[in-house]
Amino acid sequence: MVDRPSFRSYAWTMQVELTPEQSSFVDLGIQEGRFRDREEAVRRALAQWEKRERARVELLASLDLAEQSLDAGEGETYTDESLQELVDSVKVRGMAKLAGR
């Protein structure tokens, strides 16, 4: 006999009440083969929510850094003319990149 450490599951059960519309939506996803069962549908929904929340936190952190940079005087000032030059430059580089495909 091989000694193996015992496996302990830390999963816990949570009961969630869905509206009839939500329940029908989940059932449709199961019928269409996108999910095996309701648990998988909920796990995937939570995974998507977590992914969006991580992206939101990263964006907010990025905005904080940008604000700190501006407060430190590291920003650039644009006029209508210089902004148009920037837009034109981006267009030219984008078209050149597309043409090089």
PDB file of N, CA and C in Angstrom:
ATOM      1  N   MET A   1       0.836  -1.189   0.000  1.00  0.00           N
ATOM      2  CA  MET A   1       0.000   0.000   0.000  1.00  0.00           C
ATOM      3  C   MET A   1       0.879   1.250   0.000  1.00  0.00           C
ATOM      4  N   VAL A   2       0.512   2.207  -0.788  1.00  0.00           N
ATOM      5  CA  VAL A   2       1.268   3.453  -0.898  1.00  0.00           C
ATOM      6  C   VAL A   2       0.651   4.475   0.039  1.00  0.00           C
ATOM      7  N   ASP A   3       1.518   5.115   0.808  1.00  0.00           N
ATOM      8  CA  ASP A   3       1.025   6.167   1.703  1.00  0.00           C
ATOM      9  C   ASP A   3       0.812   7.446   0.905  1.00  0.00           C
ATOM     10  N   ARG A   4      -0.356   7.984   1.035  1.00  0.00           N
ATOM     11  CA  ARG A   4      -0.668   9.250   0.381  1.00  0.00           C
ATOM     12  C   ARG A   4      -1.263  10.189   1.412  1.00  0.00           C
ATOM     13  N   PRO A   5      -0.926  11.464   1.311  1.00  0.00           N
ATOM     14  CA  PRO A   5      -1.559  12.402   2.233  1.00  0.00           C
ATOM     15  C   PRO A   5      -3.052  12.444   1.947  1.00  0.00           C
ATOM     16  N   SER A   6      -3.817  12.600   2.993  1.00  0.00           N
ATOM     17  CA  SER A   6      -5.259  12.669   2.790  1.00  0.00           C
ATOM     18  C   SER A   6      -5.612  13.966   2.078  1.00  0.00           C
ATOM     19  N   PHE A   7      -6.582  13.897   1.206  1.00  0.00           N
ATOM     20  CA  PHE A   7      -7.029  15.065   0.452  1.00  0.00           C
ATOM     21  C   PHE A   7      -8.183  15.707   1.200  1.00  0.00           C
ATOM     22  N   ARG A   8      -8.062  16.964   1.427  1.00  0.00           N
ATOM     23  CA  ARG A   8      -9.120  17.704   2.097  1.00  0.00           C
ATOM     24  C   ARG A   8      -9.710  18.709   1.141  1.00  0.00           C
ATOM     25  N   SER A   9     -10.958  18.628   0.935  1.00  0.00           N
ATOM     26  CA  SER A   9     -11.630  19.584   0.076  1.00  0.00           C
ATOM     27  C   SER A   9     -12.090  20.761   0.933  1.00  0.00           C
ATOM     28  N   TYR A  10     -11.789  21.946   0.445  1.00  0.00           N
ATOM     29  CA  TYR A  10     -12.211  23.151   1.158  1.00  0.00           C
ATOM     30  C   TYR A  10     -13.420  23.788   0.478  1.00  0.00           C
ATOM     31  N   ALA A  11     -14.003  23.050  -0.441  1.00  0.00           N
ATOM     32  CA  ALA A  11     -15.193  23.568  -1.115  1.00  0.00           C
ATOM     33  C   ALA A  11     -16.341  23.585  -0.124  1.00  0.00           C
ATOM     34  N   TRP A  12     -17.194  24.553  -0.268  1.00  0.00           N
ATOM     35  CA  TRP A  12     -18.370  24.626   0.579  1.00  0.00           C
ATOM     36  C   TRP A  12     -19.577  24.913  -0.292  1.00  0.00           C
ATOM     37  N   THR A  13     -20.697  24.643   0.221  1.00  0.00           N
ATOM     38  CA  THR A  13     -21.930  24.764  -0.534  1.00  0.00           C
ATOM     39  C   THR A  13     -22.623  26.069  -0.209  1.00  0.00           C
ATOM     40  N   MET A  14     -23.147  26.680  -1.255  1.00  0.00           N
ATOM     41  CA  MET A  14     -23.915  27.905  -1.091  1.00  0.00           C
ATOM     42  C   MET A  14     -25.193  27.735  -1.915  1.00  0.00           C
ATOM     43  N   GLN A  15     -26.285  28.061  -1.343  1.00  0.00           N
ATOM     44  CA  GLN A  15     -27.529  27.984  -2.078  1.00  0.00           C
ATOM     45  C   GLN A  15     -27.894  29.374  -2.567  1.00  0.00           C
ATOM     46  N   VAL A  16     -28.241  29.461  -3.831  1.00  0.00           N
ATOM     47  CA  VAL A  16     -28.578  30.738  -4.443  1.00  0.00           C
ATOM     48  C   VAL A  16     -29.946  30.615  -5.100  1.00  0.00           C
ATOM     49  N   GLU A  17     -30.793  31.572  -4.827  1.00  0.00           N
ATOM     50  CA  GLU A  17     -32.121  31.604  -5.449  1.00  0.00           C
ATOM     51  C   GLU A  17     -32.030  32.420  -6.732  1.00  0.00           C
ATOM     52  N   LEU A  18     -32.404  31.811  -7.851  1.00  0.00           N
ATOM     53  CA  LEU A  18     -32.430  32.511  -9.127  1.00  0.00           C
ATOM     54  C   LEU A  18     -33.859  32.925  -9.441  1.00  0.00           C
ATOM     55  N   THR A  19     -33.983  34.019 -10.171  1.00  0.00           N
ATOM     56  CA  THR A  19     -35.305  34.401 -10.649  1.00  0.00           C
ATOM     57  C   THR A  19     -35.719  33.376 -11.712  1.00  0.00           C
ATOM     58  N   PRO A  20     -36.983  33.278 -12.007  1.00  0.00           N
ATOM     59  CA  PRO A  20     -37.402  32.358 -13.071  1.00  0.00           C
ATOM     60  C   PRO A  20     -36.689  32.642 -14.405  1.00  0.00           C
ATOM     61  N   GLU A  21     -36.465  33.920 -14.706  1.00  0.00           N
ATOM     62  CA  GLU A  21     -35.778  34.284 -15.946  1.00  0.00           C
ATOM     63  C   GLU A  21     -34.330  33.807 -15.935  1.00  0.00           C
ATOM     64  N   GLN A  22     -33.649  34.000 -14.802  1.00  0.00           N
ATOM     65  CA  GLN A  22     -32.266  33.541 -14.689  1.00  0.00           C
ATOM     66  C   GLN A  22     -32.189  32.027 -14.796  1.00  0.00           C
ATOM     67  N   SER A  23     -33.100  31.346 -14.144  1.00  0.00           N
ATOM     68  CA  SER A  23     -33.131  29.891 -14.190  1.00  0.00           C
ATOM     69  C   SER A  23     -33.349  29.392 -15.617  1.00  0.00           C
ATOM     70  N   SER A  24     -34.256  30.034 -16.339  1.00  0.00           N
ATOM     71  CA  SER A  24     -34.499  29.659 -17.737  1.00  0.00           C
ATOM     72  C   SER A  24     -33.267  29.916 -18.591  1.00  0.00           C
ATOM     73  N   PHE A  25     -32.584  31.002 -18.323  1.00  0.00           N
ATOM     74  CA  PHE A  25     -31.370  31.343 -19.066  1.00  0.00           C
ATOM     75  C   PHE A  25     -30.290  30.280 -18.854  1.00  0.00           C
ATOM     76  N   VAL A  26     -30.113  29.860 -17.613  1.00  0.00           N
ATOM     77  CA  VAL A  26     -29.130  28.818 -17.297  1.00  0.00           C
ATOM     78  C   VAL A  26     -29.537  27.507 -17.968  1.00  0.00           C
ATOM     79  N   ASP A  27     -30.813  27.152 -17.856  1.00  0.00           N
ATOM     80  CA  ASP A  27     -31.295  25.914 -18.463  1.00  0.00           C
ATOM     81  C   ASP A  27     -31.092  25.919 -19.977  1.00  0.00           C
ATOM     82  N   LEU A  28     -31.289  27.061 -20.613  1.00  0.00           N
ATOM     83  CA  LEU A  28     -31.063  27.178 -22.051  1.00  0.00           C
ATOM     84  C   LEU A  28     -29.586  26.916 -22.374  1.00  0.00           C
ATOM     85  N   GLY A  29     -28.696  27.486 -21.570  1.00  0.00           N
ATOM     86  CA  GLY A  29     -27.263  27.257 -21.775  1.00  0.00           C
ATOM     87  C   GLY A  29     -26.904  25.777 -21.657  1.00  0.00           C
ATOM     88  N   ILE A  30     -27.550  25.087 -20.749  1.00  0.00           N
ATOM     89  CA  ILE A  30     -27.320  23.650 -20.580  1.00  0.00           C
ATOM     90  C   ILE A  30     -27.871  22.900 -21.792  1.00  0.00           C
ATOM     91  N   GLN A  31     -29.081  23.240 -22.209  1.00  0.00           N
ATOM     92  CA  GLN A  31     -29.697  22.574 -23.368  1.00  0.00           C
ATOM     93  C   GLN A  31     -28.883  22.778 -24.634  1.00  0.00           C
ATOM     94  N   GLU A  32     -28.284  23.953 -24.772  1.00  0.00           N
ATOM     95  CA  GLU A  32     -27.473  24.241 -25.961  1.00  0.00           C
ATOM     96  C   GLU A  32     -26.065  23.680 -25.867  1.00  0.00           C
ATOM     97  N   GLY A  33     -25.745  23.040 -24.733  1.00  0.00           N
ATOM     98  CA  GLY A  33     -24.447  22.394 -24.582  1.00  0.00           C
ATOM     99  C   GLY A  33     -23.313  23.287 -24.129  1.00  0.00           C
ATOM    100  N   ARG A  34     -23.615  24.512 -23.724  1.00  0.00           N
ATOM    101  CA  ARG A  34     -22.545  25.406 -23.240  1.00  0.00           C
ATOM    102  C   ARG A  34     -22.092  25.035 -21.842  1.00  0.00           C
ATOM    103  N   PHE A  35     -22.971  24.400 -21.070  1.00  0.00           N
ATOM    104  CA  PHE A  35     -22.653  23.977 -19.698  1.00  0.00           C
ATOM    105  C   PHE A  35     -23.157  22.558 -19.496  1.00  0.00           C
ATOM    106  N   ARG A  36     -22.456  21.814 -18.631  1.00  0.00           N
ATOM    107  CA  ARG A  36     -22.902  20.458 -18.284  1.00  0.00           C
ATOM    108  C   ARG A  36     -24.077  20.504 -17.330  1.00  0.00           C
ATOM    109  N   ASP A  37     -24.017  21.453 -16.385  1.00  0.00           N
ATOM    110  CA  ASP A  37     -25.052  21.530 -15.365  1.00  0.00           C
ATOM    111  C   ASP A  37     -25.082  22.943 -14.789  1.00  0.00           C
ATOM    112  N   ARG A  38     -25.993  23.161 -13.840  1.00  0.00           N
ATOM    113  CA  ARG A  38     -26.150  24.493 -13.248  1.00  0.00           C
ATOM    114  C   ARG A  38     -24.900  24.940 -12.497  1.00  0.00           C
ATOM    115  N   GLU A  39     -24.250  23.996 -11.835  1.00  0.00           N
ATOM    116  CA  GLU A  39     -23.041  24.345 -11.080  1.00  0.00           C
ATOM    117  C   GLU A  39     -21.960  24.898 -12.000  1.00  0.00           C
ATOM    118  N   GLU A  40     -21.791  24.241 -13.166  1.00  0.00           N
ATOM    119  CA  GLU A  40     -20.787  24.734 -14.105  1.00  0.00           C
ATOM    120  C   GLU A  40     -21.154  26.128 -14.607  1.00  0.00           C
ATOM    121  N   ALA A  41     -22.434  26.352 -14.866  1.00  0.00           N
ATOM    122  CA  ALA A  41     -22.875  27.668 -15.337  1.00  0.00           C
ATOM    123  C   ALA A  41     -22.540  28.743 -14.302  1.00  0.00           C
ATOM    124  N   VAL A  42     -22.797  28.460 -13.047  1.00  0.00           N
ATOM    125  CA  VAL A  42     -22.523  29.431 -11.981  1.00  0.00           C
ATOM    126  C   VAL A  42     -21.013  29.623 -11.822  1.00  0.00           C
ATOM    127  N   ARG A  43     -20.243  28.541 -11.859  1.00  0.00           N
ATOM    128  CA  ARG A  43     -18.778  28.673 -11.741  1.00  0.00           C
ATOM    129  C   ARG A  43     -18.217  29.525 -12.867  1.00  0.00           C
ATOM    130  N   ARG A  44     -18.699  29.311 -14.093  1.00  0.00           N
ATOM    131  CA  ARG A  44     -18.193  30.085 -15.228  1.00  0.00           C
ATOM    132  C   ARG A  44     -18.605  31.547 -15.118  1.00  0.00           C
ATOM    133  N   ALA A  45     -19.832  31.794 -14.650  1.00  0.00           N
ATOM    134  CA  ALA A  45     -20.275  33.181 -14.466  1.00  0.00           C
ATOM    135  C   ALA A  45     -19.415  33.886 -13.427  1.00  0.00           C
ATOM    136  N   LEU A  46     -19.117  33.192 -12.344  1.00  0.00           N
ATOM    137  CA  LEU A  46     -18.274  33.786 -11.302  1.00  0.00           C
ATOM    138  C   LEU A  46     -16.848  34.016 -11.808  1.00  0.00           C
ATOM    139  N   ALA A  47     -16.349  33.105 -12.624  1.00  0.00           N
ATOM    140  CA  ALA A  47     -15.010  33.276 -13.196  1.00  0.00           C
ATOM    141  C   ALA A  47     -14.959  34.522 -14.075  1.00  0.00           C
ATOM    142  N   GLN A  48     -16.002  34.745 -14.869  1.00  0.00           N
ATOM    143  CA  GLN A  48     -16.061  35.936 -15.713  1.00  0.00           C
ATOM    144  C   GLN A  48     -16.143  37.205 -14.873  1.00  0.00           C
ATOM    145  N   TRP A  49     -16.925  37.151 -13.824  1.00  0.00           N
ATOM    146  CA  TRP A  49     -17.056  38.293 -12.924  1.00  0.00           C
ATOM    147  C   TRP A  49     -15.696  38.614 -12.298  1.00  0.00           C
ATOM    148  N   GLU A  50     -15.005  37.567 -11.841  1.00  0.00           N
ATOM    149  CA  GLU A  50     -13.686  37.769 -11.236  1.00  0.00           C
ATOM    150  C   GLU A  50     -12.712  38.368 -12.245  1.00  0.00           C
ATOM    151  N   LYS A  51     -12.756  37.884 -13.478  1.00  0.00           N
ATOM    152  CA  LYS A  51     -11.873  38.405 -14.529  1.00  0.00           C
ATOM    153  C   LYS A  51     -12.146  39.894 -14.764  1.00  0.00           C
ATOM    154  N   ARG A  52     -13.427  40.261 -14.849  1.00  0.00           N
ATOM    155  CA  ARG A  52     -13.781  41.676 -15.038  1.00  0.00           C
ATOM    156  C   ARG A  52     -13.344  42.534 -13.854  1.00  0.00           C
ATOM    157  N   GLU A  53     -13.506  41.998 -12.660  1.00  0.00           N
ATOM    158  CA  GLU A  53     -13.106  42.753 -11.467  1.00  0.00           C
ATOM    159  C   GLU A  53     -11.600  42.978 -11.434  1.00  0.00           C
ATOM    160  N   ARG A  54     -10.824  41.962 -11.804  1.00  0.00           N
ATOM    161  CA  ARG A  54      -9.362  42.126 -11.862  1.00  0.00           C
ATOM    162  C   ARG A  54      -8.981  43.191 -12.881  1.00  0.00           C
ATOM    163  N   ALA A  55      -9.630  43.164 -14.035  1.00  0.00           N
ATOM    164  CA  ALA A  55      -9.354  44.167 -15.069  1.00  0.00           C
ATOM    165  C   ALA A  55      -9.738  45.557 -14.575  1.00  0.00           C
ATOM    166  N   ARG A  56     -10.856  45.658 -13.858  1.00  0.00           N
ATOM    167  CA  ARG A  56     -11.302  46.950 -13.321  1.00  0.00           C
ATOM    168  C   ARG A  56     -10.290  47.492 -12.323  1.00  0.00           C
ATOM    169  N   VAL A  57      -9.784  46.631 -11.448  1.00  0.00           N
ATOM    170  CA  VAL A  57      -8.803  47.051 -10.447  1.00  0.00           C
ATOM    171  C   VAL A  57      -7.516  47.505 -11.135  1.00  0.00           C
ATOM    172  N   GLU A  58      -7.085  46.780 -12.173  1.00  0.00           N
ATOM    173  CA  GLU A  58      -5.886  47.172 -12.915  1.00  0.00           C
ATOM    174  C   GLU A  58      -6.078  48.528 -13.587  1.00  0.00           C
ATOM    175  N   LEU A  59      -7.263  48.743 -14.157  1.00  0.00           N
ATOM    176  CA  LEU A  59      -7.550  50.019 -14.805  1.00  0.00           C
ATOM    177  C   LEU A  59      -7.528  51.158 -13.791  1.00  0.00           C
ATOM    178  N   LEU A  60      -8.152  50.947 -12.644  1.00  0.00           N
ATOM    179  CA  LEU A  60      -8.162  51.994 -11.610  1.00  0.00           C
ATOM    180  C   LEU A  60      -6.747  52.304 -11.129  1.00  0.00           C
ATOM    181  N   ALA A  61      -5.922  51.270 -10.973  1.00  0.00           N
ATOM    182  CA  ALA A  61      -4.527  51.487 -10.557  1.00  0.00           C
ATOM    183  C   ALA A  61      -3.774  52.267 -11.627  1.00  0.00           C
ATOM    184  N   SER A  62      -4.040  51.943 -12.872  1.00  0.00           N
ATOM    185  CA  SER A  62      -3.407  52.642 -13.980  1.00  0.00           C
ATOM    186  C   SER A  62      -3.828  54.113 -14.017  1.00  0.00           C
ATOM    187  N   LEU A  63      -5.101  54.360 -13.765  1.00  0.00           N
ATOM    188  CA  LEU A  63      -5.584  55.744 -13.718  1.00  0.00           C
ATOM    189  C   LEU A  63      -4.958  56.516 -12.556  1.00  0.00           C
ATOM    190  N   ASP A  64      -4.785  55.842 -11.420  1.00  0.00           N
ATOM    191  CA  ASP A  64      -4.130  56.488 -10.280  1.00  0.00           C
ATOM    192  C   ASP A  64      -2.702  56.889 -10.631  1.00  0.00           C
ATOM    193  N   LEU A  65      -1.977  55.990 -11.312  1.00  0.00           N
ATOM    194  CA  LEU A  65      -0.608  56.313 -11.726  1.00  0.00           C
ATOM    195  C   LEU A  65      -0.581  57.477 -12.706  1.00  0.00           C
ATOM    196  N   ALA A  66      -1.538  57.489 -13.629  1.00  0.00           N
ATOM    197  CA  ALA A  66      -1.605  58.584 -14.601  1.00  0.00           C
ATOM    198  C   ALA A  66      -1.889  59.900 -13.895  1.00  0.00           C
ATOM    199  N   GLU A  67      -2.784  59.862 -12.922  1.00  0.00           N
ATOM    200  CA  GLU A  67      -3.107  61.086 -12.175  1.00  0.00           C
ATOM    201  C   GLU A  67      -1.888  61.577 -11.387  1.00  0.00           C
ATOM    202  N   GLN A  68      -1.155  60.662 -10.798  1.00  0.00           N
ATOM    203  CA  GLN A  68       0.059  61.040 -10.063  1.00  0.00           C
ATOM    204  C   GLN A  68       1.081  61.649 -11.014  1.00  0.00           C
ATOM    205  N   SER A  69       1.193  61.075 -12.196  1.00  0.00           N
ATOM    206  CA  SER A  69       2.121  61.590 -13.199  1.00  0.00           C
ATOM    207  C   SER A  69       1.742  63.012 -13.610  1.00  0.00           C
ATOM    208  N   LEU A  70       0.451  63.224 -13.821  1.00  0.00           N
ATOM    209  CA  LEU A  70       0.001  64.570 -14.185  1.00  0.00           C
ATOM    210  C   LEU A  70       0.237  65.553 -13.046  1.00  0.00           C
ATOM    211  N   ASP A  71      -0.042  65.130 -11.814  1.00  0.00           N
ATOM    212  CA  ASP A  71       0.181  65.994 -10.654  1.00  0.00           C
ATOM    213  C   ASP A  71       1.657  66.368 -10.511  1.00  0.00           C
ATOM    214  N   ALA A  72       2.533  65.475 -10.973  1.00  0.00           N
ATOM    215  CA  ALA A  72       3.979  65.735 -10.893  1.00  0.00           C
ATOM    216  C   ALA A  72       4.459  66.566 -12.082  1.00  0.00           C
ATOM    217  N   GLY A  73       3.533  66.981 -12.945  1.00  0.00           N
ATOM    218  CA  GLY A  73       3.904  67.822 -14.081  1.00  0.00           C
ATOM    219  C   GLY A  73       4.484  67.056 -15.247  1.00  0.00           C
ATOM    220  N   GLU A  74       4.251  65.756 -15.300  1.00  0.00           N
ATOM    221  CA  GLU A  74       4.832  64.933 -16.360  1.00  0.00           C
ATOM    222  C   GLU A  74       3.939  64.808 -17.589  1.00  0.00           C
ATOM    223  N   GLY A  75       2.812  65.477 -17.615  1.00  0.00           N
ATOM    224  CA  GLY A  75       1.897  65.376 -18.751  1.00  0.00           C
ATOM    225  C   GLY A  75       2.296  66.297 -19.891  1.00  0.00           C
ATOM    226  N   GLU A  76       1.619  66.136 -20.998  1.00  0.00           N
ATOM    227  CA  GLU A  76       1.844  66.997 -22.156  1.00  0.00           C
ATOM    228  C   GLU A  76       0.584  67.803 -22.427  1.00  0.00           C
ATOM    229  N   THR A  77       0.780  69.006 -22.903  1.00  0.00           N
ATOM    230  CA  THR A  77      -0.345  69.857 -23.254  1.00  0.00           C
ATOM    231  C   THR A  77      -0.535  69.810 -24.758  1.00  0.00           C
ATOM    232  N   TYR A  78      -1.778  69.632 -25.176  1.00  0.00           N
ATOM    233  CA  TYR A  78      -2.088  69.568 -26.602  1.00  0.00           C
ATOM    234  C   TYR A  78      -3.007  70.717 -26.971  1.00  0.00           C
ATOM    235  N   THR A  79      -2.735  71.266 -28.135  1.00  0.00           N
ATOM    236  CA  THR A  79      -3.638  72.254 -28.725  1.00  0.00           C
ATOM    237  C   THR A  79      -4.495  71.514 -29.741  1.00  0.00           C
ATOM    238  N   ASP A  80      -5.485  72.174 -30.272  1.00  0.00           N
ATOM    239  CA  ASP A  80      -6.292  71.546 -31.324  1.00  0.00           C
ATOM    240  C   ASP A  80      -5.416  71.123 -32.493  1.00  0.00           C
ATOM    241  N   GLU A  81      -4.449  71.960 -32.809  1.00  0.00           N
ATOM    242  CA  GLU A  81      -3.560  71.680 -33.944  1.00  0.00           C
ATOM    243  C   GLU A  81      -2.630  70.507 -33.653  1.00  0.00           C
ATOM    244  N   SER A  82      -2.003  70.493 -32.474  1.00  0.00           N
ATOM    245  CA  SER A  82      -1.074  69.402 -32.166  1.00  0.00           C
ATOM    246  C   SER A  82      -1.819  68.078 -31.974  1.00  0.00           C
ATOM    247  N   LEU A  83      -3.044  68.137 -31.489  1.00  0.00           N
ATOM    248  CA  LEU A  83      -3.844  66.925 -31.337  1.00  0.00           C
ATOM    249  C   LEU A  83      -4.199  66.364 -32.711  1.00  0.00           C
ATOM    250  N   GLN A  84      -4.528  67.241 -33.653  1.00  0.00           N
ATOM    251  CA  GLN A  84      -4.831  66.780 -35.010  1.00  0.00           C
ATOM    252  C   GLN A  84      -3.599  66.157 -35.661  1.00  0.00           C
ATOM    253  N   GLU A  85      -2.419  66.734 -35.404  1.00  0.00           N
ATOM    254  CA  GLU A  85      -1.175  66.163 -35.931  1.00  0.00           C
ATOM    255  C   GLU A  85      -0.955  64.760 -35.359  1.00  0.00           C
ATOM    256  N   LEU A  86      -1.243  64.581 -34.078  1.00  0.00           N
ATOM    257  CA  LEU A  86      -1.102  63.265 -33.453  1.00  0.00           C
ATOM    258  C   LEU A  86      -2.068  62.267 -34.083  1.00  0.00           C
ATOM    259  N   VAL A  87      -3.310  62.676 -34.276  1.00  0.00           N
ATOM    260  CA  VAL A  87      -4.318  61.807 -34.899  1.00  0.00           C
ATOM    261  C   VAL A  87      -3.876  61.414 -36.302  1.00  0.00           C
ATOM    262  N   ASP A  88      -3.411  62.368 -37.085  1.00  0.00           N
ATOM    263  CA  ASP A  88      -2.958  62.090 -38.445  1.00  0.00           C
ATOM    264  C   ASP A  88      -1.781  61.115 -38.434  1.00  0.00           C
ATOM    265  N   SER A  89      -0.868  61.305 -37.512  1.00  0.00           N
ATOM    266  CA  SER A  89       0.292  60.422 -37.392  1.00  0.00           C
ATOM    267  C   SER A  89      -0.129  58.988 -37.066  1.00  0.00           C
ATOM    268  N   VAL A  90      -1.074  58.846 -36.162  1.00  0.00           N
ATOM    269  CA  VAL A  90      -1.564  57.510 -35.794  1.00  0.00           C
ATOM    270  C   VAL A  90      -2.232  56.856 -37.000  1.00  0.00           C
ATOM    271  N   LYS A  91      -3.016  57.626 -37.744  1.00  0.00           N
ATOM    272  CA  LYS A  91      -3.685  57.095 -38.942  1.00  0.00           C
ATOM    273  C   LYS A  91      -2.668  56.605 -39.957  1.00  0.00           C
ATOM    274  N   VAL A  92      -1.629  57.389 -40.201  1.00  0.00           N
ATOM    275  CA  VAL A  92      -0.611  57.024 -41.181  1.00  0.00           C
ATOM    276  C   VAL A  92       0.095  55.744 -40.754  1.00  0.00           C
ATOM    277  N   ARG A  93       0.476  55.662 -39.479  1.00  0.00           N
ATOM    278  CA  ARG A  93       1.151  54.445 -38.994  1.00  0.00           C
ATOM    279  C   ARG A  93       0.227  53.237 -39.038  1.00  0.00           C
ATOM    280  N   GLY A  94      -1.040  53.441 -38.725  1.00  0.00           N
ATOM    281  CA  GLY A  94      -2.002  52.336 -38.775  1.00  0.00           C
ATOM    282  C   GLY A  94      -2.209  51.833 -40.192  1.00  0.00           C
ATOM    283  N   MET A  95      -2.339  52.758 -41.148  1.00  0.00           N
ATOM    284  CA  MET A  95      -2.528  52.366 -42.547  1.00  0.00           C
ATOM    285  C   MET A  95      -1.293  51.638 -43.058  1.00  0.00           C
ATOM    286  N   ALA A  96      -0.099  52.103 -42.672  1.00  0.00           N
ATOM    287  CA  ALA A  96       1.129  51.455 -43.116  1.00  0.00           C
ATOM    288  C   ALA A  96       1.221  50.034 -42.544  1.00  0.00           C
ATOM    289  N   LYS A  97       0.819  49.887 -41.311  1.00  0.00           N
ATOM    290  CA  LYS A  97       0.846  48.555 -40.677  1.00  0.00           C
ATOM    291  C   LYS A  97      -0.147  47.626 -41.364  1.00  0.00           C
ATOM    292  N   LEU A  98      -1.344  48.127 -41.674  1.00  0.00           N
ATOM    293  CA  LEU A  98      -2.339  47.314 -42.375  1.00  0.00           C
ATOM    294  C   LEU A  98      -1.859  46.920 -43.778  1.00  0.00           C
ATOM    295  N   ALA A  99      -1.199  47.847 -44.458  1.00  0.00           N
ATOM    296  CA  ALA A  99      -0.715  47.569 -45.803  1.00  0.00           C
ATOM    297  C   ALA A  99       0.388  46.523 -45.801  1.00  0.00           C
ATOM    298  N   GLY A 100       1.111  46.429 -44.696  1.00  0.00           N
ATOM    299  CA  GLY A 100       2.220  45.483 -44.591  1.00  0.00           C
ATOM    300  C   GLY A 100       1.813  44.069 -44.229  1.00  0.00           C
ATOM    301  N   ARG A 101       0.543  43.817 -44.064  1.00  0.00           N
ATOM    302  CA  ARG A 101       0.071  42.463 -43.697  1.00  0.00           C
ATOM    303  C   ARG A 101       0.388  41.462 -44.716  1.00  0.00           C
TER     304      ARG A 101
END
